[in-house]
Amino acid sequence: MADPYAVPAEMRDFADRSVQQARKAFEGFMGAVKKSSGTLDEATPVQPNIAAGAAKAVSLAEKNVTAAFDLAEKLVHAKDIQEVMALQSEYLKSQMTSIQDQTREMGEVIAKTMIPGSK
């Protein structure tokens, strides 16, 4: 007897292609953000610490979205609900650690920006 919750191969293929297209579009967007950021820095002198803070924020956002795309790809290929739940749990644990690290990193960047001469 067929699994009533099984996802047809065609739907998996469609979902996989959709995730890949979204990832590619995001990568193109991030390339444009990085390029325009460099152009803005050249056009308007910005305090180095502020520019570093903005670059760090963009980098962290890119890391978070990439992690979400990685999860989406894994979910598309999950065999059953148990694997989906395990993947989701692993992702949430990883993101909690990332959020803690990113909060610390951004705190350091903000401190450098707000307190002249701090390292």
N, C-alpha and C. Protein backbone atom coordinates (compact mmCIF):
# COMPACT_ATOMS: atom_id res chain seq x y z
N MET A 1 0.84 -1.18 0.00
CA MET A 1 0.00 0.00 0.00
C MET A 1 0.88 1.24 0.00
N ALA A 2 0.54 2.17 -0.84
CA ALA A 2 1.32 3.41 -0.98
C ALA A 2 1.11 4.30 0.24
N ASP A 3 2.15 5.03 0.58
CA ASP A 3 2.09 5.97 1.70
C ASP A 3 1.19 7.15 1.30
N PRO A 4 0.10 7.38 2.04
CA PRO A 4 -0.80 8.48 1.68
C PRO A 4 -0.17 9.85 1.85
N TYR A 5 0.93 9.93 2.59
CA TYR A 5 1.60 11.21 2.82
C TYR A 5 2.82 11.41 1.92
N ALA A 6 3.08 10.44 1.05
CA ALA A 6 4.23 10.52 0.16
C ALA A 6 4.04 11.67 -0.84
N VAL A 7 5.12 12.36 -1.09
CA VAL A 7 5.09 13.47 -2.05
C VAL A 7 5.50 12.92 -3.41
N PRO A 8 4.68 13.15 -4.42
CA PRO A 8 5.02 12.66 -5.77
C PRO A 8 6.36 13.22 -6.24
N ALA A 9 7.09 12.42 -7.00
CA ALA A 9 8.41 12.81 -7.50
C ALA A 9 8.35 14.11 -8.29
N GLU A 10 7.28 14.31 -9.05
CA GLU A 10 7.16 15.53 -9.84
C GLU A 10 7.11 16.77 -8.94
N MET A 11 6.41 16.64 -7.83
CA MET A 11 6.32 17.77 -6.90
C MET A 11 7.67 18.03 -6.23
N ARG A 12 8.39 16.96 -5.89
CA ARG A 12 9.73 17.12 -5.31
C ARG A 12 10.65 17.81 -6.30
N ASP A 13 10.60 17.38 -7.55
CA ASP A 13 11.44 17.99 -8.59
C ASP A 13 11.10 19.48 -8.75
N PHE A 14 9.81 19.79 -8.77
CA PHE A 14 9.37 21.18 -8.89
C PHE A 14 9.87 22.00 -7.70
N ALA A 15 9.72 21.46 -6.49
CA ALA A 15 10.17 22.17 -5.29
C ALA A 15 11.68 22.36 -5.31
N ASP A 16 12.40 21.34 -5.73
CA ASP A 16 13.85 21.43 -5.81
C ASP A 16 14.27 22.51 -6.79
N ARG A 17 13.67 22.54 -7.96
CA ARG A 17 13.99 23.58 -8.95
C ARG A 17 13.64 24.96 -8.42
N SER A 18 12.53 25.07 -7.70
CA SER A 18 12.13 26.36 -7.14
C SER A 18 13.14 26.86 -6.12
N VAL A 19 13.61 25.96 -5.26
CA VAL A 19 14.61 26.34 -4.26
C VAL A 19 15.89 26.78 -4.97
N GLN A 20 16.30 26.03 -5.98
CA GLN A 20 17.53 26.38 -6.71
C GLN A 20 17.39 27.74 -7.40
N GLN A 21 16.23 28.01 -8.00
CA GLN A 21 16.01 29.30 -8.66
C GLN A 21 16.01 30.44 -7.64
N ALA A 22 15.39 30.21 -6.50
CA ALA A 22 15.36 31.24 -5.46
C ALA A 22 16.76 31.51 -4.93
N ARG A 23 17.53 30.44 -4.73
CA ARG A 23 18.91 30.61 -4.26
C ARG A 23 19.72 31.42 -5.28
N LYS A 24 19.58 31.08 -6.54
CA LYS A 24 20.32 31.79 -7.59
C LYS A 24 19.92 33.27 -7.62
N ALA A 25 18.64 33.54 -7.50
CA ALA A 25 18.17 34.93 -7.48
C ALA A 25 18.74 35.66 -6.26
N PHE A 26 18.76 35.01 -5.12
CA PHE A 26 19.31 35.62 -3.91
C PHE A 26 20.80 35.91 -4.09
N GLU A 27 21.53 34.96 -4.65
CA GLU A 27 22.97 35.17 -4.87
C GLU A 27 23.20 36.36 -5.80
N GLY A 28 22.36 36.50 -6.82
CA GLY A 28 22.46 37.66 -7.70
C GLY A 28 22.17 38.95 -6.96
N PHE A 29 21.16 38.92 -6.10
CA PHE A 29 20.82 40.08 -5.28
C PHE A 29 21.98 40.45 -4.36
N MET A 30 22.58 39.45 -3.71
CA MET A 30 23.68 39.74 -2.80
C MET A 30 24.88 40.29 -3.55
N GLY A 31 25.10 39.81 -4.76
CA GLY A 31 26.18 40.36 -5.59
C GLY A 31 25.95 41.83 -5.87
N ALA A 32 24.70 42.18 -6.17
CA ALA A 32 24.36 43.58 -6.42
C ALA A 32 24.51 44.43 -5.16
N VAL A 33 24.11 43.88 -4.02
CA VAL A 33 24.25 44.61 -2.74
C VAL A 33 25.72 44.89 -2.47
N LYS A 34 26.56 43.88 -2.63
CA LYS A 34 27.99 44.06 -2.36
C LYS A 34 28.61 45.06 -3.33
N LYS A 35 28.20 44.99 -4.59
CA LYS A 35 28.74 45.91 -5.59
C LYS A 35 28.30 47.34 -5.28
N SER A 36 27.03 47.54 -4.96
CA SER A 36 26.54 48.88 -4.68
C SER A 36 27.13 49.41 -3.37
N SER A 37 27.40 48.54 -2.43
CA SER A 37 28.02 48.95 -1.17
C SER A 37 29.42 49.49 -1.44
N GLY A 38 30.17 48.81 -2.28
CA GLY A 38 31.51 49.29 -2.64
C GLY A 38 31.46 50.60 -3.38
N THR A 39 30.48 50.76 -4.25
CA THR A 39 30.31 52.00 -5.00
C THR A 39 29.94 53.15 -4.06
N LEU A 40 29.07 52.87 -3.10
CA LEU A 40 28.66 53.89 -2.13
C LEU A 40 29.84 54.32 -1.28
N ASP A 41 30.66 53.37 -0.84
CA ASP A 41 31.84 53.70 -0.04
C ASP A 41 32.79 54.61 -0.80
N GLU A 42 32.94 54.36 -2.10
CA GLU A 42 33.82 55.19 -2.91
C GLU A 42 33.24 56.58 -3.13
N ALA A 43 31.93 56.67 -3.26
CA ALA A 43 31.28 57.94 -3.56
C ALA A 43 31.16 58.84 -2.33
N THR A 44 30.94 58.25 -1.17
CA THR A 44 30.77 59.03 0.05
C THR A 44 31.69 58.48 1.13
N PRO A 45 32.61 59.31 1.57
CA PRO A 45 33.49 58.82 2.64
C PRO A 45 32.67 58.46 3.88
N VAL A 46 32.80 57.24 4.31
CA VAL A 46 32.06 56.76 5.47
C VAL A 46 33.08 56.38 6.53
N GLN A 47 32.73 56.66 7.78
CA GLN A 47 33.62 56.25 8.86
C GLN A 47 33.88 54.76 8.71
N PRO A 48 35.15 54.35 8.75
CA PRO A 48 35.48 52.93 8.53
C PRO A 48 34.70 51.96 9.41
N ASN A 49 34.47 52.32 10.66
CA ASN A 49 33.75 51.40 11.55
C ASN A 49 32.29 51.26 11.14
N ILE A 50 31.70 52.32 10.62
CA ILE A 50 30.31 52.24 10.16
C ILE A 50 30.23 51.35 8.93
N ALA A 51 31.17 51.54 8.02
CA ALA A 51 31.21 50.70 6.82
C ALA A 51 31.42 49.23 7.21
N ALA A 52 32.29 49.00 8.20
CA ALA A 52 32.53 47.62 8.66
C ALA A 52 31.27 47.04 9.28
N GLY A 53 30.52 47.86 10.02
CA GLY A 53 29.27 47.40 10.63
C GLY A 53 28.24 47.03 9.58
N ALA A 54 28.14 47.85 8.56
CA ALA A 54 27.19 47.56 7.49
C ALA A 54 27.59 46.29 6.75
N ALA A 55 28.88 46.15 6.49
CA ALA A 55 29.37 44.94 5.81
C ALA A 55 29.11 43.69 6.66
N LYS A 56 29.32 43.82 7.97
CA LYS A 56 29.07 42.68 8.87
C LYS A 56 27.59 42.31 8.86
N ALA A 57 26.71 43.31 8.89
CA ALA A 57 25.27 43.05 8.88
C ALA A 57 24.86 42.33 7.60
N VAL A 58 25.39 42.77 6.48
CA VAL A 58 25.08 42.12 5.19
C VAL A 58 25.61 40.69 5.20
N SER A 59 26.82 40.50 5.71
CA SER A 59 27.42 39.17 5.76
C SER A 59 26.59 38.22 6.63
N LEU A 60 26.14 38.69 7.77
CA LEU A 60 25.34 37.85 8.65
C LEU A 60 23.98 37.53 8.04
N ALA A 61 23.38 38.50 7.39
CA ALA A 61 22.09 38.25 6.72
C ALA A 61 22.27 37.20 5.63
N GLU A 62 23.34 37.33 4.87
CA GLU A 62 23.61 36.35 3.81
C GLU A 62 23.80 34.96 4.40
N LYS A 63 24.52 34.87 5.50
CA LYS A 63 24.75 33.58 6.16
C LYS A 63 23.42 32.96 6.60
N ASN A 64 22.54 33.77 7.17
CA ASN A 64 21.25 33.26 7.66
C ASN A 64 20.36 32.79 6.51
N VAL A 65 20.32 33.55 5.44
CA VAL A 65 19.48 33.15 4.30
C VAL A 65 20.06 31.90 3.64
N THR A 66 21.37 31.82 3.55
CA THR A 66 22.00 30.63 2.97
C THR A 66 21.67 29.40 3.80
N ALA A 67 21.68 29.54 5.13
CA ALA A 67 21.31 28.41 6.00
C ALA A 67 19.86 27.99 5.76
N ALA A 68 18.98 28.97 5.54
CA ALA A 68 17.58 28.66 5.27
C ALA A 68 17.44 27.93 3.92
N PHE A 69 18.20 28.35 2.92
CA PHE A 69 18.16 27.65 1.63
C PHE A 69 18.70 26.23 1.77
N ASP A 70 19.76 26.07 2.55
CA ASP A 70 20.30 24.73 2.78
C ASP A 70 19.24 23.83 3.41
N LEU A 71 18.53 24.38 4.40
CA LEU A 71 17.45 23.61 5.04
C LEU A 71 16.37 23.26 4.02
N ALA A 72 15.97 24.22 3.21
CA ALA A 72 14.92 23.96 2.22
C ALA A 72 15.32 22.84 1.27
N GLU A 73 16.58 22.84 0.84
CA GLU A 73 17.05 21.77 -0.04
C GLU A 73 16.98 20.41 0.65
N LYS A 74 17.37 20.37 1.92
CA LYS A 74 17.32 19.11 2.67
C LYS A 74 15.87 18.66 2.85
N LEU A 75 14.98 19.59 3.15
CA LEU A 75 13.58 19.24 3.36
C LEU A 75 12.94 18.68 2.09
N VAL A 76 13.31 19.25 0.95
CA VAL A 76 12.76 18.76 -0.32
C VAL A 76 13.11 17.29 -0.53
N HIS A 77 14.25 16.88 -0.03
CA HIS A 77 14.71 15.50 -0.24
C HIS A 77 14.45 14.58 0.96
N ALA A 78 13.79 15.10 1.99
CA ALA A 78 13.50 14.27 3.16
C ALA A 78 12.60 13.10 2.77
N LYS A 79 12.86 11.96 3.38
CA LYS A 79 12.13 10.74 3.04
C LYS A 79 10.81 10.60 3.79
N ASP A 80 10.77 11.16 5.01
CA ASP A 80 9.56 11.01 5.81
C ASP A 80 9.46 12.14 6.84
N ILE A 81 8.36 12.15 7.59
CA ILE A 81 8.11 13.21 8.55
C ILE A 81 9.16 13.22 9.67
N GLN A 82 9.68 12.04 10.04
CA GLN A 82 10.70 11.98 11.08
C GLN A 82 11.97 12.71 10.63
N GLU A 83 12.33 12.51 9.37
CA GLU A 83 13.51 13.20 8.85
C GLU A 83 13.26 14.70 8.78
N VAL A 84 12.06 15.10 8.39
CA VAL A 84 11.70 16.53 8.36
C VAL A 84 11.85 17.13 9.75
N MET A 85 11.32 16.44 10.75
CA MET A 85 11.39 16.95 12.12
C MET A 85 12.83 17.01 12.61
N ALA A 86 13.64 16.01 12.28
CA ALA A 86 15.04 16.01 12.68
C ALA A 86 15.81 17.16 12.02
N LEU A 87 15.56 17.36 10.74
CA LEU A 87 16.21 18.46 10.02
C LEU A 87 15.82 19.82 10.61
N GLN A 88 14.54 19.98 10.90
CA GLN A 88 14.06 21.24 11.46
C GLN A 88 14.67 21.47 12.84
N SER A 89 14.73 20.44 13.65
CA SER A 89 15.32 20.55 14.99
C SER A 89 16.80 20.93 14.91
N GLU A 90 17.53 20.27 14.02
CA GLU A 90 18.95 20.55 13.82
C GLU A 90 19.14 22.01 13.37
N TYR A 91 18.30 22.45 12.46
CA TYR A 91 18.37 23.82 11.95
C TYR A 91 18.12 24.83 13.08
N LEU A 92 17.09 24.59 13.88
CA LEU A 92 16.77 25.51 14.96
C LEU A 92 17.90 25.59 15.99
N LYS A 93 18.48 24.47 16.33
CA LYS A 93 19.61 24.48 17.27
C LYS A 93 20.78 25.27 16.69
N SER A 94 21.06 25.02 15.44
CA SER A 94 22.16 25.72 14.76
C SER A 94 21.89 27.23 14.71
N GLN A 95 20.66 27.60 14.39
CA GLN A 95 20.33 29.03 14.29
C GLN A 95 20.39 29.71 15.66
N MET A 96 20.03 29.01 16.71
CA MET A 96 20.12 29.61 18.05
C MET A 96 21.57 29.92 18.39
N THR A 97 22.46 29.01 18.06
CA THR A 97 23.89 29.25 18.27
C THR A 97 24.36 30.42 17.40
N SER A 98 23.93 30.43 16.15
CA SER A 98 24.31 31.50 15.24
C SER A 98 23.81 32.85 15.74
N ILE A 99 22.60 32.90 16.24
CA ILE A 99 22.04 34.16 16.74
C ILE A 99 22.87 34.68 17.91
N GLN A 100 23.26 33.79 18.79
CA GLN A 100 24.10 34.20 19.92
C GLN A 100 25.44 34.75 19.42
N ASP A 101 26.07 34.04 18.50
CA ASP A 101 27.35 34.49 17.96
C ASP A 101 27.20 35.81 17.20
N GLN A 102 26.14 35.92 16.41
CA GLN A 102 25.93 37.13 15.62
C GLN A 102 25.62 38.33 16.51
N THR A 103 24.89 38.11 17.59
CA THR A 103 24.60 39.20 18.52
C THR A 103 25.89 39.70 19.15
N ARG A 104 26.76 38.79 19.54
CA ARG A 104 28.05 39.17 20.11
C ARG A 104 28.88 39.93 19.08
N GLU A 105 28.95 39.41 17.85
CA GLU A 105 29.73 40.05 16.80
C GLU A 105 29.22 41.46 16.51
N MET A 106 27.91 41.60 16.39
CA MET A 106 27.36 42.93 16.11
C MET A 106 27.57 43.87 17.29
N GLY A 107 27.51 43.35 18.50
CA GLY A 107 27.80 44.16 19.68
C GLY A 107 29.21 44.72 19.63
N GLU A 108 30.15 43.88 19.22
CA GLU A 108 31.54 44.32 19.10
C GLU A 108 31.68 45.40 18.03
N VAL A 109 31.01 45.20 16.91
CA VAL A 109 31.07 46.19 15.82
C VAL A 109 30.46 47.51 16.27
N ILE A 110 29.33 47.44 16.96
CA ILE A 110 28.67 48.66 17.44
C ILE A 110 29.55 49.37 18.46
N ALA A 111 30.17 48.61 19.33
CA ALA A 111 31.07 49.22 20.32
C ALA A 111 32.20 49.95 19.62
N LYS A 112 32.77 49.36 18.59
CA LYS A 112 33.85 50.02 17.84
C LYS A 112 33.36 51.30 17.17
N THR A 113 32.11 51.28 16.70
CA THR A 113 31.55 52.43 16.01
C THR A 113 31.25 53.57 16.99
N MET A 114 30.73 53.20 18.15
CA MET A 114 30.29 54.22 19.11
C MET A 114 31.41 54.74 20.01
N ILE A 115 32.42 53.92 20.24
CA ILE A 115 33.49 54.30 21.15
C ILE A 115 34.78 54.45 20.33
N PRO A 116 35.15 55.68 20.02
CA PRO A 116 36.36 55.91 19.22
C PRO A 116 37.58 55.25 19.88
N GLY A 117 38.38 54.60 19.07
CA GLY A 117 39.60 53.98 19.56
C GLY A 117 39.41 52.61 20.19
N SER A 118 38.16 52.12 20.30
CA SER A 118 37.96 50.79 20.88
C SER A 118 38.29 49.72 19.86
N LYS A 119 38.70 48.56 20.34
CA LYS A 119 39.06 47.47 19.43
C LYS A 119 38.31 46.23 19.77
